[in-house]
C-alpha cells in the first residue's frame, strides 16, 4: 500500500535493503557495477515518440503480469507504427515503414548510407520475426488469443522492441546533431 492508500503492484527496495536481503537469504557477497546512463532527449522522429509512449503501457502490463496485453501492445506498435503491409508479386508482406526508413537515412552521411540500409534491413527482419512470435499467441488477422504466453515471451518481444526504438532514437540524436 502506498501512503496515499492506493495499491501498487511494484515494491521498491533501496540498495541497502537488497544487500541485507541477499545476506539473509544466504547468498554470497556480490559486486555491483553502476554505470551512469545519460538521459536521452525526446526523439526527433515522431513515430519513435509514439512507439515509446505505447511501450510505456506495455511495460506497465508486463509489470502487472498481463503478458497477453504486453504482446498485444507490441503487436500494435510493430503493425501500426514500425511496419507497413505492401503488395508484391508473391503476395503481401511487411516492411519497415517507408517514412521511418527515409527519415533515418536522410540524416545519415552519404558515405554511410549503404551500411545503414543493410542495418535497417536487418532490423526489419527482426521486427517481422518478433511479429511472428506474437502471432503464435494472438491471431494475426482477428487479434484474438490463440494461446497463453509465458512471461519470457512477453519480455523477449518487449525487450527487442525497446532496444530497436532506443537504437532508432540514438541514431536520430547522434546523426541529427552532426547534421546541423
Protein backbone atom coordinates (compact mmCIF):
# COMPACT_ATOMS: atom_id res chain seq x y z
CA UNK A 1 0.00 0.00 0.00
CA UNK A 2 1.22 3.46 -0.87
CA UNK A 3 1.00 6.25 1.72
CA UNK A 4 -1.97 7.59 -0.26
CA UNK A 5 -3.85 4.34 0.41
CA UNK A 6 -3.59 3.25 -3.22
CA UNK A 7 -2.45 -0.31 -4.02
CA UNK A 8 0.74 -0.72 -6.01
CA UNK A 9 1.99 -3.84 -7.77
CA UNK A 10 5.56 -2.59 -7.57
CA UNK A 11 7.69 -2.83 -4.46
CA UNK A 12 10.91 -0.85 -4.48
CA UNK A 13 13.90 -1.57 -2.29
CA UNK A 14 16.93 0.55 -1.55
CA UNK A 15 20.39 -0.81 -2.33
CA UNK A 16 20.98 -1.41 1.37
CA UNK A 17 17.72 -3.35 1.70
CA UNK A 18 18.64 -5.56 -1.26
CA UNK A 19 22.11 -6.16 0.21
CA UNK A 20 20.58 -7.07 3.57
CA UNK A 21 18.02 -9.37 1.94
CA UNK A 22 20.72 -11.18 -0.05
CA UNK A 23 22.73 -11.77 3.14
CA UNK A 24 19.66 -13.10 4.97
CA UNK A 25 18.86 -15.43 2.07
CA UNK A 26 22.37 -16.87 2.29
CA UNK A 27 23.76 -15.50 -0.93
CA UNK A 28 27.44 -14.71 -1.06
CA UNK A 29 28.59 -11.15 -1.23
CA UNK A 30 28.20 -9.68 -4.66
CA UNK A 31 29.78 -6.85 -6.59
CA UNK A 32 27.55 -4.30 -8.21
CA UNK A 33 28.68 -2.22 -11.15
CA UNK A 34 26.80 1.00 -11.55
CA UNK A 35 27.05 2.64 -14.93
CA UNK A 36 25.61 6.10 -15.41
CA UNK A 37 23.39 6.23 -18.46
CA UNK A 38 22.76 9.67 -19.89
CA UNK A 39 19.14 10.50 -20.40
CA UNK A 40 18.06 10.57 -23.99
CA UNK A 41 16.35 13.70 -25.21
CA UNK A 42 12.96 13.27 -26.80
CA UNK A 43 13.25 11.51 -30.11
CA UNK A 44 13.26 13.87 -33.07
CA UNK A 45 11.27 11.33 -35.11
CA UNK A 46 7.58 11.44 -34.24
CA UNK A 47 6.97 7.72 -34.87
CA UNK A 48 9.61 6.84 -32.28
CA UNK A 49 7.94 9.09 -29.70
CA UNK A 50 4.56 7.44 -30.33
CA UNK A 51 6.11 3.98 -30.03
CA UNK A 52 7.85 4.93 -26.79
CA UNK A 53 4.54 6.07 -25.36
CA UNK A 54 2.90 2.77 -26.34
CA UNK A 55 5.78 0.77 -24.90
CA UNK A 56 5.30 2.52 -21.57
CA UNK A 57 1.86 0.88 -21.47
CA UNK A 58 3.45 -2.46 -22.41
CA UNK A 59 5.91 -2.06 -19.54
CA UNK A 60 3.03 -1.49 -17.11
CA UNK A 61 1.19 -4.56 -18.42
CA UNK A 62 4.35 -6.65 -18.13
CA UNK A 63 4.91 -5.46 -14.55
CA UNK A 64 1.32 -6.40 -13.66
CA UNK A 65 1.76 -9.86 -15.20
CA UNK A 66 -0.60 -9.25 -18.11
CA UNK A 67 1.57 -10.91 -20.74
CA UNK A 68 -1.15 -11.12 -23.36
CA UNK A 69 -1.74 -7.36 -23.14
CA UNK A 70 2.02 -6.78 -23.36
CA UNK A 71 2.17 -8.80 -26.57
CA UNK A 72 -0.92 -7.09 -27.92
CA UNK A 73 0.63 -3.66 -27.42
CA UNK A 74 3.89 -4.86 -29.02
CA UNK A 75 1.87 -6.23 -31.96
CA UNK A 76 0.15 -2.87 -32.42
CA UNK A 77 3.45 -0.99 -32.27
CA UNK A 78 5.02 -3.23 -34.91
CA UNK A 79 1.96 -3.34 -37.18
CA UNK A 80 0.79 0.28 -36.85
CA UNK A 81 3.93 2.34 -36.30
CA UNK A 82 7.01 0.46 -37.43
CA UNK A 83 5.93 -1.55 -40.46
CA UNK A 84 3.64 -1.30 -43.46
CA UNK A 85 1.89 -4.08 -45.33
CA UNK A 86 2.78 -3.93 -49.03
CA UNK A 87 1.64 -5.95 -52.00
CA UNK A 88 4.26 -7.81 -54.01
CA UNK A 89 4.16 -10.30 -56.85
CA UNK A 90 4.28 -13.09 -54.24
CA UNK A 91 1.51 -11.60 -52.11
CA UNK A 92 1.53 -9.25 -49.15
CA UNK A 93 4.48 -8.74 -46.83
CA UNK A 94 5.52 -6.38 -44.05
CA UNK A 95 8.37 -3.93 -44.45
CA UNK A 96 9.89 -1.24 -42.28
CA UNK A 97 7.70 1.84 -42.56
CA UNK A 98 8.94 3.85 -45.54
CA UNK A 99 8.78 7.23 -43.79
CA UNK A 100 10.82 5.89 -40.85
CA UNK A 101 13.44 4.37 -43.16
CA UNK A 102 13.65 7.55 -45.21
CA UNK A 103 13.85 9.81 -42.15
CA UNK A 104 16.70 7.80 -40.65
CA UNK A 105 18.57 7.56 -43.95
CA UNK A 106 18.10 11.30 -44.53
CA UNK A 107 20.28 12.15 -41.53
CA UNK A 108 22.99 9.56 -42.24
CA UNK A 109 26.04 10.92 -44.08
CA UNK A 110 26.21 9.77 -47.69
CA UNK A 111 29.34 7.65 -47.15
CA UNK A 112 27.50 5.51 -44.54
CA UNK A 113 24.12 5.13 -46.28
CA UNK A 114 24.83 1.66 -47.73
CA UNK A 115 25.87 0.39 -44.31
CA UNK A 116 22.73 1.75 -42.66
CA UNK A 117 20.46 0.47 -45.42
CA UNK A 118 21.76 -3.02 -44.64
CA UNK A 119 21.34 -2.44 -40.89
CA UNK A 120 17.75 -1.25 -41.42
CA UNK A 121 17.07 -4.38 -43.48
CA UNK A 122 18.26 -6.47 -40.53
CA UNK A 123 16.08 -4.52 -38.10
CA UNK A 124 13.13 -5.00 -40.44
CA UNK A 125 13.74 -8.76 -40.38
CA UNK A 126 13.94 -8.69 -36.57
CA UNK A 127 10.65 -6.80 -36.32
CA UNK A 128 8.94 -9.27 -38.65
CA UNK A 129 10.37 -12.18 -36.65
CA UNK A 130 9.05 -10.65 -33.41
CA UNK A 131 5.66 -10.16 -35.02
CA UNK A 132 5.63 -13.86 -35.97
CA UNK A 133 6.49 -14.64 -32.34
CA UNK A 134 3.50 -12.56 -31.18
CA UNK A 135 1.23 -14.27 -33.71
CA UNK A 136 1.88 -17.62 -32.02
CA UNK A 137 -0.30 -16.25 -29.20
CA UNK A 138 -2.52 -13.68 -30.92
CA UNK A 139 -4.25 -14.42 -34.23
CA UNK A 140 -2.73 -12.33 -37.00
CA UNK A 141 -5.96 -11.14 -38.60
CA UNK A 142 -8.51 -11.19 -35.79
CA UNK A 143 -6.31 -10.22 -32.86
CA UNK A 144 -7.92 -12.95 -30.75
CA UNK A 145 -5.97 -15.02 -28.27
CA UNK A 146 -4.67 -18.34 -29.59
CA UNK A 147 -2.59 -19.42 -26.59
CA UNK A 148 -1.40 -18.05 -23.27
CA UNK A 149 2.08 -16.54 -23.47
CA UNK A 150 4.72 -17.05 -20.81
CA UNK A 151 6.42 -14.09 -19.16
CA UNK A 152 9.55 -14.89 -21.18
CA UNK A 153 7.64 -14.47 -24.45
CA UNK A 154 6.34 -11.07 -23.41
CA UNK A 155 9.74 -9.98 -22.06
CA UNK A 156 11.54 -11.09 -25.20
CA UNK A 157 9.31 -9.17 -27.59
CA UNK A 158 9.12 -6.11 -25.30
CA UNK A 159 12.90 -6.01 -24.82
CA UNK A 160 13.58 -6.42 -28.54
CA UNK A 161 11.20 -3.55 -29.34
CA UNK A 162 12.70 -1.40 -26.63
CA UNK A 163 16.20 -1.99 -27.98
CA UNK A 164 15.07 -1.21 -31.54
CA UNK A 165 13.41 2.05 -30.51
CA UNK A 166 16.38 3.08 -28.42
CA UNK A 167 18.65 2.39 -31.39
CA UNK A 168 16.49 4.47 -33.75
CA UNK A 169 16.33 7.26 -31.21
CA UNK A 170 20.08 7.25 -30.68
CA UNK A 171 20.69 7.31 -34.43
CA UNK A 172 18.39 10.30 -34.77
CA UNK A 173 20.01 12.13 -31.87
CA UNK A 174 23.63 11.38 -32.81
CA UNK A 175 23.42 11.84 -36.58
CA UNK A 176 20.89 14.64 -36.25
CA UNK A 177 23.38 16.55 -34.10
CA UNK A 178 26.12 16.05 -36.69
CA UNK A 179 23.72 17.09 -39.45
CA UNK A 180 23.22 20.59 -38.07
